[in-house]
Amino acid sequence: MKLPLETLDGLPEGLKSAITEADGVKTLDLSKLMATEDLTGLKGALSKERANNAAWAALGENPDAVKASMQELRDAKPKGRSDDEHKQILDQMTADFDAKLSGRDEIIGTMRKSNTSAELKAELAKAGVLPEGMDLLANFALSRVSYAEDGALRVSTMDGKPMIGTGADHGATLSDLAKELAGSVPQLVRDAGAGGGGKQPGSSGGTPKTTITRTAFDSMDQGARSTFAKEGGKVVDG
């Protein structure tokens, strides 16, 4: 996925290697933010799933049609087989079909999570978040992002309620989420008035330390907590 950029001002050095330019238009290539082996694995899994879907499509135009055909077979009594044998065959067919659907959903979920993480990091960069804070904030906030049955992205608040923002029907976008995260942890945001380098006013420079509430820390997964601790984060009551 590629995002057009009007200017590179404020873009962290870590993301500039992912910039391409054509016809005077600068673009942030999100695919360059992921390891090559990750992209290859996802593309390979997707190609395999497409082949599997094509094979299953030969059995019916959609999953409901296949299930309807299975039900017709259940209602029929073929010659040469007992009812128990017939039921075992149909049960196995149903289990295989359900496994295919589950595998497809898992692949889609993995791809969505990877794409959402990359897009959120890009929005965090636009909001001025320092490179060392992007992974921490993105991993922390991904649990607040979900998708509706029609694929529409949904962002929730810390307590699980729909977040209000600038998107369709007044829902929040990843840009809204990134701005909220940047505002909640100013220590990880570039100080526009301090002369660059991420140095906070009145500080002596170096890597900013993060302070978050106990509630926010408890909502992190194990990986995010580990990263937070390694980067010198501090947890306070609240």
C-alpha atoms as a PDB file:
ATOM      1  CA  MET A   1       0.000   0.000   0.000  1.00  0.00           C
ATOM      2  CA  LYS A   2       1.285   3.466  -0.898  1.00  0.00           C
ATOM      3  CA  LEU A   3       0.464   6.842   0.662  1.00  0.00           C
ATOM      4  CA  PRO A   4       1.060  10.099  -1.257  1.00  0.00           C
ATOM      5  CA  LEU A   5       2.869  12.791   0.718  1.00  0.00           C
ATOM      6  CA  GLU A   6       2.773  16.512   0.001  1.00  0.00           C
ATOM      7  CA  THR A   7       5.976  17.162   1.944  1.00  0.00           C
ATOM      8  CA  LEU A   8       8.684  15.213   3.744  1.00  0.00           C
ATOM      9  CA  ASP A   9       8.890  17.786   6.555  1.00  0.00           C
ATOM     10  CA  GLY A  10       8.644  16.070   9.909  1.00  0.00           C
ATOM     11  CA  LEU A  11       9.028  12.560   8.451  1.00  0.00           C
ATOM     12  CA  PRO A  12      11.402  10.468  10.621  1.00  0.00           C
ATOM     13  CA  GLU A  13      14.675   9.403   9.036  1.00  0.00           C
ATOM     14  CA  GLY A  14      13.673   5.767   9.549  1.00  0.00           C
ATOM     15  CA  LEU A  15      10.817   6.157   7.038  1.00  0.00           C
ATOM     16  CA  LYS A  16      12.644   8.109   4.349  1.00  0.00           C
ATOM     17  CA  SER A  17      14.101   4.918   2.879  1.00  0.00           C
ATOM     18  CA  ALA A  18      10.515   3.923   1.988  1.00  0.00           C
ATOM     19  CA  ILE A  19       9.922   7.098  -0.083  1.00  0.00           C
ATOM     20  CA  THR A  20       9.630   6.797  -3.865  1.00  0.00           C
ATOM     21  CA  GLU A  21       9.112   9.610  -6.366  1.00  0.00           C
ATOM     22  CA  ALA A  22       7.452   9.556  -9.780  1.00  0.00           C
ATOM     23  CA  ASP A  23       6.337  12.522 -11.894  1.00  0.00           C
ATOM     24  CA  GLY A  24       7.134  14.854  -9.018  1.00  0.00           C
ATOM     25  CA  VAL A  25       4.856  12.987  -6.574  1.00  0.00           C
ATOM     26  CA  LYS A  26       6.459  11.571  -3.417  1.00  0.00           C
ATOM     27  CA  THR A  27       4.940   8.362  -2.067  1.00  0.00           C
ATOM     28  CA  LEU A  28       5.435   6.408   1.181  1.00  0.00           C
ATOM     29  CA  ASP A  29       5.628   2.732   0.169  1.00  0.00           C
ATOM     30  CA  LEU A  30       4.274   0.798   3.192  1.00  0.00           C
ATOM     31  CA  SER A  31       5.458  -2.503   1.730  1.00  0.00           C
ATOM     32  CA  LYS A  32       9.022  -1.379   2.435  1.00  0.00           C
ATOM     33  CA  LEU A  33       8.234  -1.154   6.154  1.00  0.00           C
ATOM     34  CA  MET A  34       7.696  -4.934   6.322  1.00  0.00           C
ATOM     35  CA  ALA A  35      10.390  -7.591   6.041  1.00  0.00           C
ATOM     36  CA  THR A  36      10.647  -9.235   2.607  1.00  0.00           C
ATOM     37  CA  GLU A  37      10.044 -12.668   4.080  1.00  0.00           C
ATOM     38  CA  ASP A  38       6.826 -11.420   5.738  1.00  0.00           C
ATOM     39  CA  LEU A  39       5.477 -10.123   2.430  1.00  0.00           C
ATOM     40  CA  THR A  40       6.537 -13.311   0.624  1.00  0.00           C
ATOM     41  CA  GLY A  41       4.814 -15.456   3.226  1.00  0.00           C
ATOM     42  CA  LEU A  42       1.582 -13.469   3.053  1.00  0.00           C
ATOM     43  CA  LYS A  43       1.574 -13.409  -0.745  1.00  0.00           C
ATOM     44  CA  GLY A  44       2.284 -17.150  -0.874  1.00  0.00           C
ATOM     45  CA  ALA A  45      -0.498 -17.901   1.595  1.00  0.00           C
ATOM     46  CA  LEU A  46      -2.887 -15.673  -0.325  1.00  0.00           C
ATOM     47  CA  SER A  47      -2.051 -17.370  -3.641  1.00  0.00           C
ATOM     48  CA  LYS A  48      -2.617 -20.780  -2.094  1.00  0.00           C
ATOM     49  CA  GLU A  49      -5.918 -19.638  -0.600  1.00  0.00           C
ATOM     50  CA  ARG A  50      -7.067 -18.294  -3.966  1.00  0.00           C
ATOM     51  CA  ALA A  51      -6.316 -21.665  -5.547  1.00  0.00           C
ATOM     52  CA  ASN A  52      -8.244 -23.420  -2.783  1.00  0.00           C
ATOM     53  CA  ASN A  53     -11.184 -21.054  -3.229  1.00  0.00           C
ATOM     54  CA  ALA A  54     -11.206 -21.767  -6.956  1.00  0.00           C
ATOM     55  CA  ALA A  55     -11.340 -25.491  -6.265  1.00  0.00           C
ATOM     56  CA  TRP A  56     -14.185 -25.100  -3.800  1.00  0.00           C
ATOM     57  CA  ALA A  57     -16.016 -22.776  -6.191  1.00  0.00           C
ATOM     58  CA  ALA A  58     -16.382 -25.720  -8.548  1.00  0.00           C
ATOM     59  CA  LEU A  59     -18.676 -27.320  -5.951  1.00  0.00           C
ATOM     60  CA  GLY A  60     -21.070 -24.346  -5.833  1.00  0.00           C
ATOM     61  CA  GLU A  61     -21.321 -20.643  -6.472  1.00  0.00           C
ATOM     62  CA  ASN A  62     -20.956 -19.805  -2.784  1.00  0.00           C
ATOM     63  CA  PRO A  63     -20.682 -21.500   0.654  1.00  0.00           C
ATOM     64  CA  ASP A  64     -24.479 -21.478   1.084  1.00  0.00           C
ATOM     65  CA  ALA A  65     -24.933 -23.338  -2.206  1.00  0.00           C
ATOM     66  CA  VAL A  66     -22.394 -25.973  -1.145  1.00  0.00           C
ATOM     67  CA  LYS A  67     -24.108 -26.417   2.215  1.00  0.00           C
ATOM     68  CA  ALA A  68     -27.478 -26.733   0.468  1.00  0.00           C
ATOM     69  CA  SER A  69     -26.056 -29.481  -1.729  1.00  0.00           C
ATOM     70  CA  MET A  70     -24.718 -31.265   1.344  1.00  0.00           C
ATOM     71  CA  GLN A  71     -28.151 -31.111   2.945  1.00  0.00           C
ATOM     72  CA  GLU A  72     -29.693 -32.676  -0.161  1.00  0.00           C
ATOM     73  CA  LEU A  73     -27.210 -35.519   0.125  1.00  0.00           C
ATOM     74  CA  ARG A  74     -28.124 -35.961   3.781  1.00  0.00           C
ATOM     75  CA  ASP A  75     -31.783 -36.237   2.845  1.00  0.00           C
ATOM     76  CA  ALA A  76     -31.073 -38.796   0.129  1.00  0.00           C
ATOM     77  CA  LYS A  77     -30.297 -42.445   0.805  1.00  0.00           C
ATOM     78  CA  PRO A  78     -27.737 -43.708  -1.739  1.00  0.00           C
ATOM     79  CA  LYS A  79     -27.692 -47.383  -2.573  1.00  0.00           C
ATOM     80  CA  GLY A  80     -24.850 -49.524  -1.320  1.00  0.00           C
ATOM     81  CA  ARG A  81     -24.099 -47.512   1.843  1.00  0.00           C
ATOM     82  CA  SER A  82     -25.615 -47.546   5.275  1.00  0.00           C
ATOM     83  CA  ASP A  83     -26.998 -44.432   6.914  1.00  0.00           C
ATOM     84  CA  ASP A  84     -24.019 -44.319   9.288  1.00  0.00           C
ATOM     85  CA  GLU A  85     -21.498 -44.513   6.433  1.00  0.00           C
ATOM     86  CA  HIS A  86     -23.328 -41.809   4.547  1.00  0.00           C
ATOM     87  CA  LYS A  87     -23.383 -39.562   7.645  1.00  0.00           C
ATOM     88  CA  GLN A  88     -19.647 -40.084   8.217  1.00  0.00           C
ATOM     89  CA  ILE A  89     -18.841 -39.026   4.647  1.00  0.00           C
ATOM     90  CA  LEU A  90     -21.002 -35.919   4.893  1.00  0.00           C
ATOM     91  CA  ASP A  91     -19.611 -35.005   8.288  1.00  0.00           C
ATOM     92  CA  GLN A  92     -16.079 -35.239   6.899  1.00  0.00           C
ATOM     93  CA  MET A  93     -17.008 -33.061   3.914  1.00  0.00           C
ATOM     94  CA  THR A  94     -18.534 -30.501   6.245  1.00  0.00           C
ATOM     95  CA  ALA A  95     -15.469 -30.508   8.501  1.00  0.00           C
ATOM     96  CA  ASP A  96     -13.153 -30.032   5.503  1.00  0.00           C
ATOM     97  CA  PHE A  97     -15.253 -27.152   4.217  1.00  0.00           C
ATOM     98  CA  ASP A  98     -15.378 -25.449   7.621  1.00  0.00           C
ATOM     99  CA  ALA A  99     -11.593 -25.835   7.934  1.00  0.00           C
ATOM    100  CA  LYS A 100     -11.143 -24.092   4.577  1.00  0.00           C
ATOM    101  CA  LEU A 101     -13.322 -21.192   5.693  1.00  0.00           C
ATOM    102  CA  SER A 102     -11.454 -20.926   8.983  1.00  0.00           C
ATOM    103  CA  GLY A 103      -8.101 -20.907   7.201  1.00  0.00           C
ATOM    104  CA  ARG A 104      -9.269 -18.182   4.846  1.00  0.00           C
ATOM    105  CA  ASP A 105     -10.478 -16.027   7.746  1.00  0.00           C
ATOM    106  CA  GLU A 106      -7.135 -16.484   9.528  1.00  0.00           C
ATOM    107  CA  ILE A 107      -5.173 -15.349   6.472  1.00  0.00           C
ATOM    108  CA  ILE A 108      -7.419 -12.332   5.986  1.00  0.00           C
ATOM    109  CA  GLY A 109      -7.044 -11.437   9.662  1.00  0.00           C
ATOM    110  CA  THR A 110      -3.238 -11.644   9.468  1.00  0.00           C
ATOM    111  CA  MET A 111      -3.100  -9.458   6.371  1.00  0.00           C
ATOM    112  CA  ARG A 112      -5.487  -6.920   7.884  1.00  0.00           C
ATOM    113  CA  LYS A 113      -3.414  -6.689  11.064  1.00  0.00           C
ATOM    114  CA  SER A 114      -0.172  -6.194   9.104  1.00  0.00           C
ATOM    115  CA  ASN A 115      -1.707  -3.543   6.859  1.00  0.00           C
ATOM    116  CA  THR A 116      -3.375  -1.761   9.781  1.00  0.00           C
ATOM    117  CA  SER A 117      -0.109  -1.697  11.746  1.00  0.00           C
ATOM    118  CA  ALA A 118       1.786  -0.222   8.784  1.00  0.00           C
ATOM    119  CA  GLU A 119      -0.914   2.385   8.115  1.00  0.00           C
ATOM    120  CA  LEU A 120      -1.084   3.367  11.795  1.00  0.00           C
ATOM    121  CA  LYS A 121       2.705   3.812  11.944  1.00  0.00           C
ATOM    122  CA  ALA A 122       2.524   6.054   8.889  1.00  0.00           C
ATOM    123  CA  GLU A 123      -0.150   8.174  10.606  1.00  0.00           C
ATOM    124  CA  LEU A 124       1.934   8.287  13.800  1.00  0.00           C
ATOM    125  CA  ALA A 125       4.851   9.588  11.721  1.00  0.00           C
ATOM    126  CA  LYS A 126       2.615  12.328  10.332  1.00  0.00           C
ATOM    127  CA  ALA A 127       1.611  13.209  13.899  1.00  0.00           C
ATOM    128  CA  GLY A 128       5.284  13.710  14.799  1.00  0.00           C
ATOM    129  CA  VAL A 129       5.880  10.555  16.850  1.00  0.00           C
ATOM    130  CA  LEU A 130       9.564   9.714  17.141  1.00  0.00           C
ATOM    131  CA  PRO A 131      10.786   6.479  15.459  1.00  0.00           C
ATOM    132  CA  GLU A 132      11.564   4.846  18.802  1.00  0.00           C
ATOM    133  CA  GLY A 133       7.942   5.283  19.884  1.00  0.00           C
ATOM    134  CA  MET A 134       6.125   4.022  16.779  1.00  0.00           C
ATOM    135  CA  ASP A 135       6.268   0.278  17.484  1.00  0.00           C
ATOM    136  CA  LEU A 136       5.316   0.805  21.122  1.00  0.00           C
ATOM    137  CA  LEU A 137       2.292   2.978  20.367  1.00  0.00           C
ATOM    138  CA  ALA A 138       1.159   0.933  17.356  1.00  0.00           C
ATOM    139  CA  ASN A 139       1.294  -2.376  19.258  1.00  0.00           C
ATOM    140  CA  PHE A 140      -0.493  -0.794  22.197  1.00  0.00           C
ATOM    141  CA  ALA A 141      -3.297   0.650  20.053  1.00  0.00           C
ATOM    142  CA  LEU A 142      -3.996  -2.238  17.637  1.00  0.00           C
ATOM    143  CA  SER A 143      -6.374  -3.824  20.150  1.00  0.00           C
ATOM    144  CA  ARG A 144      -8.606  -0.763  19.662  1.00  0.00           C
ATOM    145  CA  VAL A 145      -8.986  -1.415  15.918  1.00  0.00           C
ATOM    146  CA  SER A 146     -11.503  -3.893  14.504  1.00  0.00           C
ATOM    147  CA  TYR A 147     -13.432  -4.488  11.288  1.00  0.00           C
ATOM    148  CA  ALA A 148     -17.154  -4.790  10.605  1.00  0.00           C
ATOM    149  CA  GLU A 149     -18.568  -7.643   8.518  1.00  0.00           C
ATOM    150  CA  ASP A 150     -18.474  -5.386   5.445  1.00  0.00           C
ATOM    151  CA  GLY A 151     -14.781  -4.669   6.033  1.00  0.00           C
ATOM    152  CA  ALA A 152     -15.271  -1.150   7.402  1.00  0.00           C
ATOM    153  CA  LEU A 153     -12.605  -0.137   9.933  1.00  0.00           C
ATOM    154  CA  ARG A 154     -13.748   0.657  13.465  1.00  0.00           C
ATOM    155  CA  VAL A 155     -11.763   2.437  16.194  1.00  0.00           C
ATOM    156  CA  SER A 156     -12.821   2.237  19.828  1.00  0.00           C
ATOM    157  CA  THR A 157     -11.929   4.171  22.958  1.00  0.00           C
ATOM    158  CA  MET A 158      -9.907   2.697  25.830  1.00  0.00           C
ATOM    159  CA  ASP A 159     -13.122   1.445  27.460  1.00  0.00           C
ATOM    160  CA  GLY A 160     -14.369  -0.232  24.285  1.00  0.00           C
ATOM    161  CA  LYS A 161     -16.885   2.383  23.112  1.00  0.00           C
ATOM    162  CA  PRO A 162     -16.949   3.694  19.502  1.00  0.00           C
ATOM    163  CA  MET A 163     -14.475   6.543  19.147  1.00  0.00           C
ATOM    164  CA  ILE A 164     -15.817   9.764  17.614  1.00  0.00           C
ATOM    165  CA  GLY A 165     -13.731  11.209  14.800  1.00  0.00           C
ATOM    166  CA  THR A 166     -13.560  12.566  11.282  1.00  0.00           C
ATOM    167  CA  GLY A 167     -14.545   9.408   9.412  1.00  0.00           C
ATOM    168  CA  ALA A 168     -17.840   8.255   7.920  1.00  0.00           C
ATOM    169  CA  ASP A 169     -20.816   8.544  10.302  1.00  0.00           C
ATOM    170  CA  HIS A 170     -18.551  10.492  12.671  1.00  0.00           C
ATOM    171  CA  GLY A 171     -16.438   7.400  13.382  1.00  0.00           C
ATOM    172  CA  ALA A 172     -12.717   7.701  14.089  1.00  0.00           C
ATOM    173  CA  THR A 173     -10.008   7.020  11.515  1.00  0.00           C
ATOM    174  CA  LEU A 174      -6.451   5.769  12.024  1.00  0.00           C
ATOM    175  CA  SER A 175      -5.361   9.387  11.673  1.00  0.00           C
ATOM    176  CA  ASP A 176      -7.656  10.359  14.565  1.00  0.00           C
ATOM    177  CA  LEU A 177      -6.260   7.500  16.644  1.00  0.00           C
ATOM    178  CA  ALA A 178      -2.659   8.482  15.871  1.00  0.00           C
ATOM    179  CA  LYS A 179      -3.289  12.083  16.914  1.00  0.00           C
ATOM    180  CA  GLU A 180      -4.866  10.942  20.181  1.00  0.00           C
ATOM    181  CA  LEU A 181      -1.911   8.669  20.928  1.00  0.00           C
ATOM    182  CA  ALA A 182       0.588  11.408  20.125  1.00  0.00           C
ATOM    183  CA  GLY A 183      -1.244  13.810  22.418  1.00  0.00           C
ATOM    184  CA  SER A 184      -1.383  11.299  25.282  1.00  0.00           C
ATOM    185  CA  VAL A 185       2.369  10.621  25.296  1.00  0.00           C
ATOM    186  CA  PRO A 186       4.134  13.911  24.443  1.00  0.00           C
ATOM    187  CA  GLN A 187       7.480  12.441  25.521  1.00  0.00           C
ATOM    188  CA  LEU A 188       7.482  10.380  22.314  1.00  0.00           C
ATOM    189  CA  VAL A 189       6.537  13.256  20.013  1.00  0.00           C
ATOM    190  CA  ARG A 190       9.002  15.506  18.220  1.00  0.00           C
ATOM    191  CA  ASP A 191       9.179  18.936  19.852  1.00  0.00           C
ATOM    192  CA  ALA A 192       8.583  21.330  16.954  1.00  0.00           C
ATOM    193  CA  GLY A 193       9.904  24.288  18.906  1.00  0.00           C
ATOM    194  CA  ALA A 194      13.021  22.812  20.489  1.00  0.00           C
ATOM    195  CA  GLY A 195      15.329  22.728  17.484  1.00  0.00           C
ATOM    196  CA  GLY A 196      14.971  19.080  16.368  1.00  0.00           C
ATOM    197  CA  GLY A 197      16.390  15.828  17.640  1.00  0.00           C
ATOM    198  CA  GLY A 198      13.347  15.095  19.758  1.00  0.00           C
ATOM    199  CA  LYS A 199      14.765  17.024  22.716  1.00  0.00           C
ATOM    200  CA  GLN A 200      12.060  18.143  25.112  1.00  0.00           C
ATOM    201  CA  PRO A 201      12.118  21.695  26.545  1.00  0.00           C
ATOM    202  CA  GLY A 202      14.287  21.789  29.644  1.00  0.00           C
ATOM    203  CA  SER A 203      15.679  18.318  29.050  1.00  0.00           C
ATOM    204  CA  SER A 204      19.272  17.255  28.506  1.00  0.00           C
ATOM    205  CA  GLY A 205      18.501  15.291  25.326  1.00  0.00           C
ATOM    206  CA  GLY A 206      18.707  11.520  24.889  1.00  0.00           C
ATOM    207  CA  THR A 207      15.846   9.083  24.438  1.00  0.00           C
ATOM    208  CA  PRO A 208      12.586  10.368  25.988  1.00  0.00           C
ATOM    209  CA  LYS A 209      11.132   8.171  28.694  1.00  0.00           C
ATOM    210  CA  THR A 210       7.445   7.299  28.587  1.00  0.00           C
ATOM    211  CA  THR A 211       5.001   7.527  31.496  1.00  0.00           C
ATOM    212  CA  ILE A 212       1.611   5.836  31.202  1.00  0.00           C
ATOM    213  CA  THR A 213      -1.146   4.885  33.597  1.00  0.00           C
ATOM    214  CA  ARG A 214      -1.570   1.449  35.142  1.00  0.00           C
ATOM    215  CA  THR A 215      -4.826   1.017  33.185  1.00  0.00           C
ATOM    216  CA  ALA A 216      -3.066   1.649  29.867  1.00  0.00           C
ATOM    217  CA  PHE A 217      -0.216  -0.694  30.810  1.00  0.00           C
ATOM    218  CA  ASP A 218      -2.590  -3.509  31.770  1.00  0.00           C
ATOM    219  CA  SER A 219      -4.318  -3.256  28.382  1.00  0.00           C
ATOM    220  CA  MET A 220      -1.038  -3.939  26.517  1.00  0.00           C
ATOM    221  CA  ASP A 221      -0.135  -7.411  25.272  1.00  0.00           C
ATOM    222  CA  GLN A 222       3.005  -9.131  26.593  1.00  0.00           C
ATOM    223  CA  GLY A 223       5.183  -7.976  23.697  1.00  0.00           C
ATOM    224  CA  ALA A 224       4.216  -4.328  24.087  1.00  0.00           C
ATOM    225  CA  ARG A 225       4.829  -4.470  27.836  1.00  0.00           C
ATOM    226  CA  SER A 226       8.300  -5.932  27.262  1.00  0.00           C
ATOM    227  CA  THR A 227       9.185  -3.222  24.739  1.00  0.00           C
ATOM    228  CA  PHE A 228       7.838  -0.537  27.088  1.00  0.00           C
ATOM    229  CA  ALA A 229       9.981  -1.800  29.966  1.00  0.00           C
ATOM    230  CA  LYS A 230      13.142  -2.071  27.826  1.00  0.00           C
ATOM    231  CA  GLU A 231      12.713   1.525  26.659  1.00  0.00           C
ATOM    232  CA  GLY A 232      12.620   2.755  30.250  1.00  0.00           C
ATOM    233  CA  GLY A 233       8.872   3.355  30.480  1.00  0.00           C
ATOM    234  CA  LYS A 234       7.332   4.234  33.820  1.00  0.00           C
ATOM    235  CA  VAL A 235       3.885   3.167  35.076  1.00  0.00           C
ATOM    236  CA  VAL A 236       1.895   5.452  37.374  1.00  0.00           C
ATOM    237  CA  ASP A 237      -1.382   4.920  39.193  1.00  0.00           C
ATOM    238  CA  GLY A 238      -4.488   5.761  37.212  1.00  0.00           C
END
